PDB file of N, CA and C in Angstrom:
ATOM      1  N   UNK A   1     105.326  73.310 157.031  1.00  0.00           N
ATOM      2  CA  UNK A   1     104.711  74.254 157.888  1.00  0.00           C
ATOM      3  C   UNK A   1     105.701  75.319 158.491  1.00  0.00           C
ATOM      4  N   UNK A   2     105.485  76.438 158.746  1.00  0.00           N
ATOM      5  CA  UNK A   2     106.169  77.389 159.301  1.00  0.00           C
ATOM      6  C   UNK A   2     105.249  77.680 160.707  1.00  0.00           C
ATOM      7  N   UNK A   3     106.217  77.789 161.983  1.00  0.00           N
ATOM      8  CA  UNK A   3     105.327  78.230 163.022  1.00  0.00           C
ATOM      9  C   UNK A   3     106.104  79.762 163.784  1.00  0.00           C
ATOM     10  N   UNK A   4     104.837  80.391 164.164  1.00  0.00           N
ATOM     11  CA  UNK A   4     105.390  81.601 164.794  1.00  0.00           C
ATOM     12  C   UNK A   4     104.398  82.079 166.069  1.00  0.00           C
ATOM     13  N   UNK A   5     105.113  82.866 166.701  1.00  0.00           N
ATOM     14  CA  UNK A   5     104.196  83.098 167.920  1.00  0.00           C
ATOM     15  C   UNK A   5     103.707  84.807 167.709  1.00  0.00           C
ATOM     16  N   UNK A   6     102.669  85.034 167.891  1.00  0.00           N
ATOM     17  CA  UNK A   6     102.079  86.302 167.313  1.00  0.00           C
ATOM     18  C   UNK A   6     102.609  87.351 168.320  1.00  0.00           C
ATOM     19  N   UNK A   7     103.076  88.511 167.911  1.00  0.00           N
ATOM     20  CA  UNK A   7     103.639  89.739 169.060  1.00  0.00           C
ATOM     21  C   UNK A   7     102.293  90.694 169.119  1.00  0.00           C
ATOM     22  N   UNK A   8     101.217  90.755 168.115  1.00  0.00           N
ATOM     23  CA  UNK A   8     100.119  91.392 168.114  1.00  0.00           C
ATOM     24  C   UNK A   8      99.123  90.655 167.580  1.00  0.00           C
ATOM     25  N   UNK A   9      97.823  91.255 167.909  1.00  0.00           N
ATOM     26  CA  UNK A   9      96.615  90.357 167.348  1.00  0.00           C
ATOM     27  C   UNK A   9      96.694  90.167 165.904  1.00  0.00           C
ATOM     28  N   UNK A  10      96.211  89.376 165.210  1.00  0.00           N
ATOM     29  CA  UNK A  10      96.230  88.991 163.982  1.00  0.00           C
ATOM     30  C   UNK A  10      95.015  88.030 163.274  1.00  0.00           C
ATOM     31  N   UNK A  11      94.467  88.877 162.000  1.00  0.00           N
ATOM     32  CA  UNK A  11      93.317  88.206 161.604  1.00  0.00           C
ATOM     33  C   UNK A  11      93.659  87.883 159.893  1.00  0.00           C
ATOM     34  N   UNK A  12      93.359  86.771 159.635  1.00  0.00           N
ATOM     35  CA  UNK A  12      93.612  85.830 158.291  1.00  0.00           C
ATOM     36  C   UNK A  12      92.908  84.845 158.061  1.00  0.00           C
ATOM     37  N   UNK A  13      92.323  84.976 156.809  1.00  0.00           N
ATOM     38  CA  UNK A  13      91.292  83.644 156.446  1.00  0.00           C
ATOM     39  C   UNK A  13      90.265  83.391 157.213  1.00  0.00           C
ATOM     40  N   UNK A  14      89.584  84.585 157.854  1.00  0.00           N
ATOM     41  CA  UNK A  14      88.625  84.517 158.803  1.00  0.00           C
ATOM     42  C   UNK A  14      88.706  84.111 160.087  1.00  0.00           C
ATOM     43  N   UNK A  15      89.945  84.020 160.500  1.00  0.00           N
ATOM     44  CA  UNK A  15      90.360  83.445 161.874  1.00  0.00           C
ATOM     45  C   UNK A  15      91.039  84.725 162.498  1.00  0.00           C
ATOM     46  N   UNK A  16      90.763  84.832 163.676  1.00  0.00           N
ATOM     47  CA  UNK A  16      91.323  86.091 164.512  1.00  0.00           C
ATOM     48  C   UNK A  16      92.125  85.139 165.713  1.00  0.00           C
ATOM     49  N   UNK A  17      93.306  85.751 165.620  1.00  0.00           N
ATOM     50  CA  UNK A  17      94.301  85.287 166.718  1.00  0.00           C
ATOM     51  C   UNK A  17      94.752  86.345 167.800  1.00  0.00           C
ATOM     52  N   UNK A  18      95.081  85.843 168.902  1.00  0.00           N
ATOM     53  CA  UNK A  18      95.484  87.065 169.988  1.00  0.00           C
ATOM     54  C   UNK A  18      97.426  86.891 169.785  1.00  0.00           C
ATOM     55  N   UNK A  19      97.643  88.177 170.370  1.00  0.00           N
ATOM     56  CA  UNK A  19      99.028  88.324 170.543  1.00  0.00           C
ATOM     57  C   UNK A  19      99.236  86.984 171.602  1.00  0.00           C
ATOM     58  N   UNK A  20     100.411  86.434 171.490  1.00  0.00           N
ATOM     59  CA  UNK A  20     100.760  85.427 172.265  1.00  0.00           C
ATOM     60  C   UNK A  20     100.680  84.360 171.697  1.00  0.00           C
ATOM     61  N   UNK A  21      99.495  83.980 170.837  1.00  0.00           N
ATOM     62  CA  UNK A  21      99.183  82.880 170.218  1.00  0.00           C
ATOM     63  C   UNK A  21     100.293  81.957 169.402  1.00  0.00           C
ATOM     64  N   UNK A  22     100.367  80.846 169.251  1.00  0.00           N
ATOM     65  CA  UNK A  22     101.081  80.110 168.354  1.00  0.00           C
ATOM     66  C   UNK A  22     100.460  79.710 167.176  1.00  0.00           C
ATOM     67  N   UNK A  23     100.753  80.051 166.204  1.00  0.00           N
ATOM     68  CA  UNK A  23     100.114  79.863 164.653  1.00  0.00           C
ATOM     69  C   UNK A  23     100.970  79.114 163.829  1.00  0.00           C
ATOM     70  N   UNK A  24     100.653  78.268 162.863  1.00  0.00           N
ATOM     71  CA  UNK A  24     101.290  77.668 161.487  1.00  0.00           C
ATOM     72  C   UNK A  24     100.822  78.109 160.301  1.00  0.00           C
ATOM     73  N   UNK A  25     101.525  78.672 159.513  1.00  0.00           N
ATOM     74  CA  UNK A  25     101.505  79.059 157.947  1.00  0.00           C
ATOM     75  C   UNK A  25     102.030  77.962 157.104  1.00  0.00           C
ATOM     76  N   UNK A  26     101.401  78.161 155.870  1.00  0.00           N
ATOM     77  CA  UNK A  26     102.591  77.454 154.617  1.00  0.00           C
ATOM     78  C   UNK A  26     103.868  78.105 154.746  1.00  0.00           C
ATOM     79  N   UNK A  27     104.706  77.366 154.244  1.00  0.00           N
ATOM     80  CA  UNK A  27     106.221  77.757 153.920  1.00  0.00           C
ATOM     81  C   UNK A  27     106.192  79.285 153.170  1.00  0.00           C
ATOM     82  N   UNK A  28     105.279  79.219 152.193  1.00  0.00           N
ATOM     83  CA  UNK A  28     105.179  80.382 151.158  1.00  0.00           C
ATOM     84  C   UNK A  28     104.728  81.593 151.862  1.00  0.00           C
ATOM     85  N   UNK A  29     104.254  81.478 152.764  1.00  0.00           N
ATOM     86  CA  UNK A  29     103.456  82.811 153.841  1.00  0.00           C
ATOM     87  C   UNK A  29     104.522  83.845 153.996  1.00  0.00           C
ATOM     88  N   UNK A  30     104.367  85.226 153.907  1.00  0.00           N
ATOM     89  CA  UNK A  30     105.044  86.337 154.096  1.00  0.00           C
ATOM     90  C   UNK A  30     104.737  86.791 155.168  1.00  0.00           C
ATOM     91  N   UNK A  31     105.858  86.405 156.428  1.00  0.00           N
ATOM     92  CA  UNK A  31     105.657  86.868 157.890  1.00  0.00           C
ATOM     93  C   UNK A  31     105.806  88.606 157.778  1.00  0.00           C
ATOM     94  N   UNK A  32     104.940  89.103 158.839  1.00  0.00           N
ATOM     95  CA  UNK A  32     105.153  90.457 159.025  1.00  0.00           C
ATOM     96  C   UNK A  32     106.013  90.586 160.170  1.00  0.00           C
ATOM     97  N   UNK A  33     106.697  91.698 160.898  1.00  0.00           N
ATOM     98  CA  UNK A  33     107.509  91.751 162.000  1.00  0.00           C
ATOM     99  C   UNK A  33     106.623  91.716 163.088  1.00  0.00           C
ATOM    100  N   UNK A  34     105.602  91.403 163.024  1.00  0.00           N
ATOM    101  CA  UNK A  34     104.772  91.224 164.549  1.00  0.00           C
ATOM    102  C   UNK A  34     104.745  89.747 164.628  1.00  0.00           C
ATOM    103  N   UNK A  35     105.604  88.892 164.047  1.00  0.00           N
ATOM    104  CA  UNK A  35     105.475  87.379 164.082  1.00  0.00           C
ATOM    105  C   UNK A  35     107.093  87.152 164.684  1.00  0.00           C
ATOM    106  N   UNK A  36     107.024  86.168 165.528  1.00  0.00           N
ATOM    107  CA  UNK A  36     108.315  85.565 165.981  1.00  0.00           C
ATOM    108  C   UNK A  36     108.549  84.407 165.484  1.00  0.00           C
ATOM    109  N   UNK A  37     109.457  84.221 164.741  1.00  0.00           N
ATOM    110  CA  UNK A  37     109.594  82.665 164.039  1.00  0.00           C
ATOM    111  C   UNK A  37     110.018  81.567 164.791  1.00  0.00           C
ATOM    112  N   UNK A  38     109.545  80.489 165.258  1.00  0.00           N
ATOM    113  CA  UNK A  38     109.754  79.715 166.275  1.00  0.00           C
ATOM    114  C   UNK A  38     110.641  78.448 165.500  1.00  0.00           C
ATOM    115  N   UNK A  39     110.557  78.178 164.116  1.00  0.00           N
ATOM    116  CA  UNK A  39     111.457  77.002 163.849  1.00  0.00           C
ATOM    117  C   UNK A  39     111.950  77.293 162.594  1.00  0.00           C
ATOM    118  N   UNK A  40     112.732  76.438 161.650  1.00  0.00           N
ATOM    119  CA  UNK A  40     113.631  76.754 160.574  1.00  0.00           C
ATOM    120  C   UNK A  40     112.821  77.410 159.173  1.00  0.00           C
ATOM    121  N   UNK A  41     111.699  76.830 158.810  1.00  0.00           N
ATOM    122  CA  UNK A  41     110.848  77.105 157.795  1.00  0.00           C
ATOM    123  C   UNK A  41     110.406  78.648 158.066  1.00  0.00           C
ATOM    124  N   UNK A  42     109.934  78.977 159.546  1.00  0.00           N
ATOM    125  CA  UNK A  42     109.593  80.374 159.863  1.00  0.00           C
ATOM    126  C   UNK A  42     110.417  81.266 159.714  1.00  0.00           C
ATOM    127  N   UNK A  43     111.728  80.712 160.350  1.00  0.00           N
ATOM    128  CA  UNK A  43     113.192  81.850 160.096  1.00  0.00           C
ATOM    129  C   UNK A  43     113.341  82.113 158.672  1.00  0.00           C
ATOM    130  N   UNK A  44     113.243  81.093 157.717  1.00  0.00           N
ATOM    131  CA  UNK A  44     113.897  81.286 156.470  1.00  0.00           C
ATOM    132  C   UNK A  44     112.834  82.366 155.704  1.00  0.00           C
ATOM    133  N   UNK A  45     111.570  82.030 155.890  1.00  0.00           N
ATOM    134  CA  UNK A  45     110.473  83.098 155.300  1.00  0.00           C
ATOM    135  C   UNK A  45     110.771  84.257 156.290  1.00  0.00           C
ATOM    136  N   UNK A  46     111.204  84.502 157.103  1.00  0.00           N
ATOM    137  CA  UNK A  46     111.225  85.822 158.030  1.00  0.00           C
ATOM    138  C   UNK A  46     112.451  86.599 157.340  1.00  0.00           C
ATOM    139  N   UNK A  47     113.676  85.608 156.989  1.00  0.00           N
ATOM    140  CA  UNK A  47     114.658  86.330 156.387  1.00  0.00           C
ATOM    141  C   UNK A  47     114.447  86.765 154.887  1.00  0.00           C
ATOM    142  N   UNK A  48     113.566  85.953 154.164  1.00  0.00           N
ATOM    143  CA  UNK A  48     113.209  86.318 152.825  1.00  0.00           C
ATOM    144  C   UNK A  48     112.242  87.607 152.645  1.00  0.00           C
ATOM    145  N   UNK A  49     111.731  87.741 153.571  1.00  0.00           N
ATOM    146  CA  UNK A  49     110.798  88.835 153.793  1.00  0.00           C
ATOM    147  C   UNK A  49     111.255  90.159 153.714  1.00  0.00           C
ATOM    148  N   UNK A  50     112.718  90.072 154.508  1.00  0.00           N
ATOM    149  CA  UNK A  50     113.515  90.983 154.577  1.00  0.00           C
ATOM    150  C   UNK A  50     113.420  92.058 155.845  1.00  0.00           C
ATOM    151  N   UNK A  51     114.287  93.027 155.853  1.00  0.00           N
ATOM    152  CA  UNK A  51     114.264  93.883 157.113  1.00  0.00           C
ATOM    153  C   UNK A  51     112.838  94.600 157.357  1.00  0.00           C
ATOM    154  N   UNK A  52     112.591  94.508 158.710  1.00  0.00           N
ATOM    155  CA  UNK A  52     111.195  94.896 159.145  1.00  0.00           C
ATOM    156  C   UNK A  52     111.562  95.729 160.477  1.00  0.00           C
ATOM    157  N   UNK A  53     110.845  96.827 160.927  1.00  0.00           N
ATOM    158  CA  UNK A  53     110.864  97.256 162.083  1.00  0.00           C
ATOM    159  C   UNK A  53     109.843  96.480 163.195  1.00  0.00           C
ATOM    160  N   UNK A  54     110.424  96.092 164.149  1.00  0.00           N
ATOM    161  CA  UNK A  54     109.475  95.362 165.068  1.00  0.00           C
ATOM    162  C   UNK A  54     108.479  96.239 165.663  1.00  0.00           C
ATOM    163  N   UNK A  55     107.406  96.184 165.601  1.00  0.00           N
ATOM    164  CA  UNK A  55     106.100  97.020 166.100  1.00  0.00           C
ATOM    165  C   UNK A  55     106.194  96.763 167.681  1.00  0.00           C
ATOM    166  N   UNK A  56     105.207  97.593 168.164  1.00  0.00           N
ATOM    167  CA  UNK A  56     104.984  97.635 169.703  1.00  0.00           C
ATOM    168  C   UNK A  56     104.311  96.189 170.014  1.00  0.00           C
ATOM    169  N   UNK A  57     104.967  95.621 171.069  1.00  0.00           N
ATOM    170  CA  UNK A  57     104.573  94.335 171.234  1.00  0.00           C
ATOM    171  C   UNK A  57     103.574  94.424 172.757  1.00  0.00           C
ATOM    172  N   UNK A  58     102.651  93.698 172.627  1.00  0.00           N
ATOM    173  CA  UNK A  58     101.463  94.197 173.826  1.00  0.00           C
ATOM    174  C   UNK A  58     100.516  93.273 173.547  1.00  0.00           C
ATOM    175  N   UNK A  59     100.089  92.942 174.363  1.00  0.00           N
ATOM    176  CA  UNK A  59      98.788  92.116 174.834  1.00  0.00           C
ATOM    177  C   UNK A  59      97.506  93.000 174.630  1.00  0.00           C
ATOM    178  N   UNK A  60      96.693  92.811 174.124  1.00  0.00           N
ATOM    179  CA  UNK A  60      95.580  93.660 173.744  1.00  0.00           C
ATOM    180  C   UNK A  60      94.103  93.175 174.505  1.00  0.00           C
ATOM    181  N   UNK A  61      93.532  91.910 174.051  1.00  0.00           N
ATOM    182  CA  UNK A  61      92.405  91.501 174.539  1.00  0.00           C
ATOM    183  C   UNK A  61      92.385  89.991 175.018  1.00  0.00           C
ATOM    184  N   UNK A  62      93.465  89.660 175.626  1.00  0.00           N
ATOM    185  CA  UNK A  62      93.626  88.555 176.433  1.00  0.00           C
ATOM    186  C   UNK A  62      94.472  88.541 177.532  1.00  0.00           C
ATOM    187  N   UNK A  63      94.628  87.548 178.354  1.00  0.00           N
ATOM    188  CA  UNK A  63      95.377  87.485 179.445  1.00  0.00           C
ATOM    189  C   UNK A  63      96.809  86.798 179.188  1.00  0.00           C
ATOM    190  N   UNK A  64      96.835  86.607 178.044  1.00  0.00           N
ATOM    191  CA  UNK A  64      98.260  85.947 177.703  1.00  0.00           C
ATOM    192  C   UNK A  64      99.471  86.819 177.739  1.00  0.00           C
ATOM    193  N   UNK A  65     100.333  86.618 178.539  1.00  0.00           N
ATOM    194  CA  UNK A  65     101.611  87.594 178.519  1.00  0.00           C
ATOM    195  C   UNK A  65     102.342  87.305 176.725  1.00  0.00           C
ATOM    196  N   UNK A  66     102.414  88.430 176.582  1.00  0.00           N
ATOM    197  CA  UNK A  66     103.533  88.754 175.154  1.00  0.00           C
ATOM    198  C   UNK A  66     104.946  89.123 175.714  1.00  0.00           C
ATOM    199  N   UNK A  67     105.891  88.209 175.274  1.00  0.00           N
ATOM    200  CA  UNK A  67     107.449  88.674 175.534  1.00  0.00           C
ATOM    201  C   UNK A  67     107.780  89.361 174.191  1.00  0.00           C
ATOM    202  N   UNK A  68     109.125  90.171 174.205  1.00  0.00           N
ATOM    203  CA  UNK A  68     109.468  90.343 173.264  1.00  0.00           C
ATOM    204  C   UNK A  68     110.036  89.388 172.163  1.00  0.00           C
ATOM    205  N   UNK A  69     110.112  89.701 170.784  1.00  0.00           N
ATOM    206  CA  UNK A  69     110.635  88.263 170.040  1.00  0.00           C
ATOM    207  C   UNK A  69     112.392  88.074 170.311  1.00  0.00           C
ATOM    208  N   UNK A  70     112.188  86.872 170.288  1.00  0.00           N
ATOM    209  CA  UNK A  70     113.718  86.240 169.992  1.00  0.00           C
ATOM    210  C   UNK A  70     114.689  86.572 169.048  1.00  0.00           C
ATOM    211  N   UNK A  71     113.768  86.613 167.623  1.00  0.00           N
ATOM    212  CA  UNK A  71     114.437  86.817 166.442  1.00  0.00           C
ATOM    213  C   UNK A  71     114.011  88.088 165.819  1.00  0.00           C
ATOM    214  N   UNK A  72     114.802  88.954 165.703  1.00  0.00           N
ATOM    215  CA  UNK A  72     114.167  90.442 165.157  1.00  0.00           C
ATOM    216  C   UNK A  72     115.418  90.771 164.098  1.00  0.00           C
ATOM    217  N   UNK A  73     115.199  91.946 163.354  1.00  0.00           N
ATOM    218  CA  UNK A  73     116.128  92.502 162.741  1.00  0.00           C
ATOM    219  C   UNK A  73     116.776  93.847 163.494  1.00  0.00           C
ATOM    220  N   UNK A  74     118.132  93.815 163.261  1.00  0.00           N
ATOM    221  CA  UNK A  74     118.867  94.738 163.889  1.00  0.00           C
ATOM    222  C   UNK A  74     119.730  95.368 162.879  1.00  0.00           C
ATOM    223  N   UNK A  75     120.103  96.635 162.791  1.00  0.00           N
ATOM    224  CA  UNK A  75     120.605  97.148 161.939  1.00  0.00           C
ATOM    225  C   UNK A  75     122.432  96.995 162.282  1.00  0.00           C
ATOM    226  N   UNK A  76     123.062  96.974 161.145  1.00  0.00           N
ATOM    227  CA  UNK A  76     124.425  96.747 161.496  1.00  0.00           C
ATOM    228  C   UNK A  76     125.226  98.253 161.645  1.00  0.00           C
ATOM    229  N   UNK A  77     126.198  98.479 162.230  1.00  0.00           N
ATOM    230  CA  UNK A  77     127.068  99.751 162.026  1.00  0.00           C
ATOM    231  C   UNK A  77     127.371  99.998 160.584  1.00  0.00           C
ATOM    232  N   UNK A  78     126.888 101.374 160.260  1.00  0.00           N
ATOM    233  CA  UNK A  78     127.164 101.879 158.763  1.00  0.00           C
ATOM    234  C   UNK A  78     126.086 102.131 158.245  1.00  0.00           C
ATOM    235  N   UNK A  79     124.870 101.533 158.729  1.00  0.00           N
ATOM    236  CA  UNK A  79     123.486 101.810 158.345  1.00  0.00           C
ATOM    237  C   UNK A  79     122.693 101.158 157.318  1.00  0.00           C
ATOM    238  N   UNK A  80     123.533 100.500 156.399  1.00  0.00           N
ATOM    239  CA  UNK A  80     122.842  99.830 155.201  1.00  0.00           C
ATOM    240  C   UNK A  80     122.817  98.209 155.385  1.00  0.00           C
ATOM    241  N   UNK A  81     123.163  97.682 156.301  1.00  0.00           N
ATOM    242  CA  UNK A  81     123.101  96.083 156.164  1.00  0.00           C
ATOM    243  C   UNK A  81     122.411  95.721 157.678  1.00  0.00           C
ATOM    244  N   UNK A  82     121.334  94.881 157.549  1.00  0.00           N
ATOM    245  CA  UNK A  82     120.437  94.449 158.595  1.00  0.00           C
ATOM    246  C   UNK A  82     120.976  92.711 158.812  1.00  0.00           C
ATOM    247  N   UNK A  83     120.832  92.359 160.187  1.00  0.00           N
ATOM    248  CA  UNK A  83     120.909  91.279 160.501  1.00  0.00           C
ATOM    249  C   UNK A  83     120.081  90.681 161.421  1.00  0.00           C
ATOM    250  N   UNK A  84     119.684  89.312 161.140  1.00  0.00           N
ATOM    251  CA  UNK A  84     118.761  88.718 162.008  1.00  0.00           C
ATOM    252  C   UNK A  84     119.289  88.476 163.652  1.00  0.00           C
ATOM    253  N   UNK A  85     118.664  88.554 164.542  1.00  0.00           N
ATOM    254  CA  UNK A  85     119.407  87.879 165.844  1.00  0.00           C
ATOM    255  C   UNK A  85     118.671  86.817 166.273  1.00  0.00           C
ATOM    256  N   UNK A  86     118.865  86.081 167.376  1.00  0.00           N
ATOM    257  CA  UNK A  86     118.162  84.999 167.712  1.00  0.00           C
ATOM    258  C   UNK A  86     118.369  83.720 166.780  1.00  0.00           C
ATOM    259  N   UNK A  87     117.556  82.876 166.297  1.00  0.00           N
ATOM    260  CA  UNK A  87     117.259  81.888 165.382  1.00  0.00           C
ATOM    261  C   UNK A  87     117.941  82.135 164.157  1.00  0.00           C
ATOM    262  N   UNK A  88     117.960  83.525 163.691  1.00  0.00           N
ATOM    263  CA  UNK A  88     118.432  83.686 162.447  1.00  0.00           C
ATOM    264  C   UNK A  88     119.673  84.193 162.217  1.00  0.00           C
ATOM    265  N   UNK A  89     120.356  84.041 163.541  1.00  0.00           N
ATOM    266  CA  UNK A  89     121.660  84.986 163.422  1.00  0.00           C
ATOM    267  C   UNK A  89     122.812  84.125 162.560  1.00  0.00           C
ATOM    268  N   UNK A  90     122.550  82.936 162.192  1.00  0.00           N
ATOM    269  CA  UNK A  90     123.479  82.716 161.469  1.00  0.00           C
ATOM    270  C   UNK A  90     123.183  82.456 159.638  1.00  0.00           C
ATOM    271  N   UNK A  91     122.115  83.208 159.553  1.00  0.00           N
ATOM    272  CA  UNK A  91     121.986  83.644 158.010  1.00  0.00           C
ATOM    273  C   UNK A  91     122.706  85.011 157.660  1.00  0.00           C
ATOM    274  N   UNK A  92     123.088  85.142 156.442  1.00  0.00           N
ATOM    275  CA  UNK A  92     123.580  86.259 156.199  1.00  0.00           C
ATOM    276  C   UNK A  92     123.045  87.438 156.245  1.00  0.00           C
ATOM    277  N   UNK A  93     123.720  88.780 156.587  1.00  0.00           N
ATOM    278  CA  UNK A  93     123.167  89.988 156.390  1.00  0.00           C
ATOM    279  C   UNK A  93     122.596  90.216 155.228  1.00  0.00           C
ATOM    280  N   UNK A  94     121.563  91.404 155.144  1.00  0.00           N
ATOM    281  CA  UNK A  94     121.148  91.800 154.063  1.00  0.00           C
ATOM    282  C   UNK A  94     121.185  93.227 153.770  1.00  0.00           C
ATOM    283  N   UNK A  95     121.780  93.655 152.537  1.00  0.00           N
ATOM    284  CA  UNK A  95     121.858  95.161 152.227  1.00  0.00           C
ATOM    285  C   UNK A  95     120.723  95.558 151.908  1.00  0.00           C
ATOM    286  N   UNK A  96     120.463  96.936 152.173  1.00  0.00           N
ATOM    287  CA  UNK A  96     119.395  97.881 151.523  1.00  0.00           C
ATOM    288  C   UNK A  96     119.861  98.828 151.154  1.00  0.00           C
TER     289      UNK A  96
END
């Protein structure tokens, strides 16, 4: 199981979760950039999903504070390679 902190509200499988909530998913789940991976299976799935632009991070319908992600994609100098920050910084960059 992979664990994520939601950066936006999320609906899946008939369940609505709020920004700031912690969720677990199967390892084969493809995360969006609106999820901050919290463990190794989540970081690996986030890396396999490839570079994504982090969306606007905000609370919408709850009083739970939502902080910016620890792990996100950043573009490397030259413009065609992307590297994860935070928990995924040890993984190799991806070229697009």
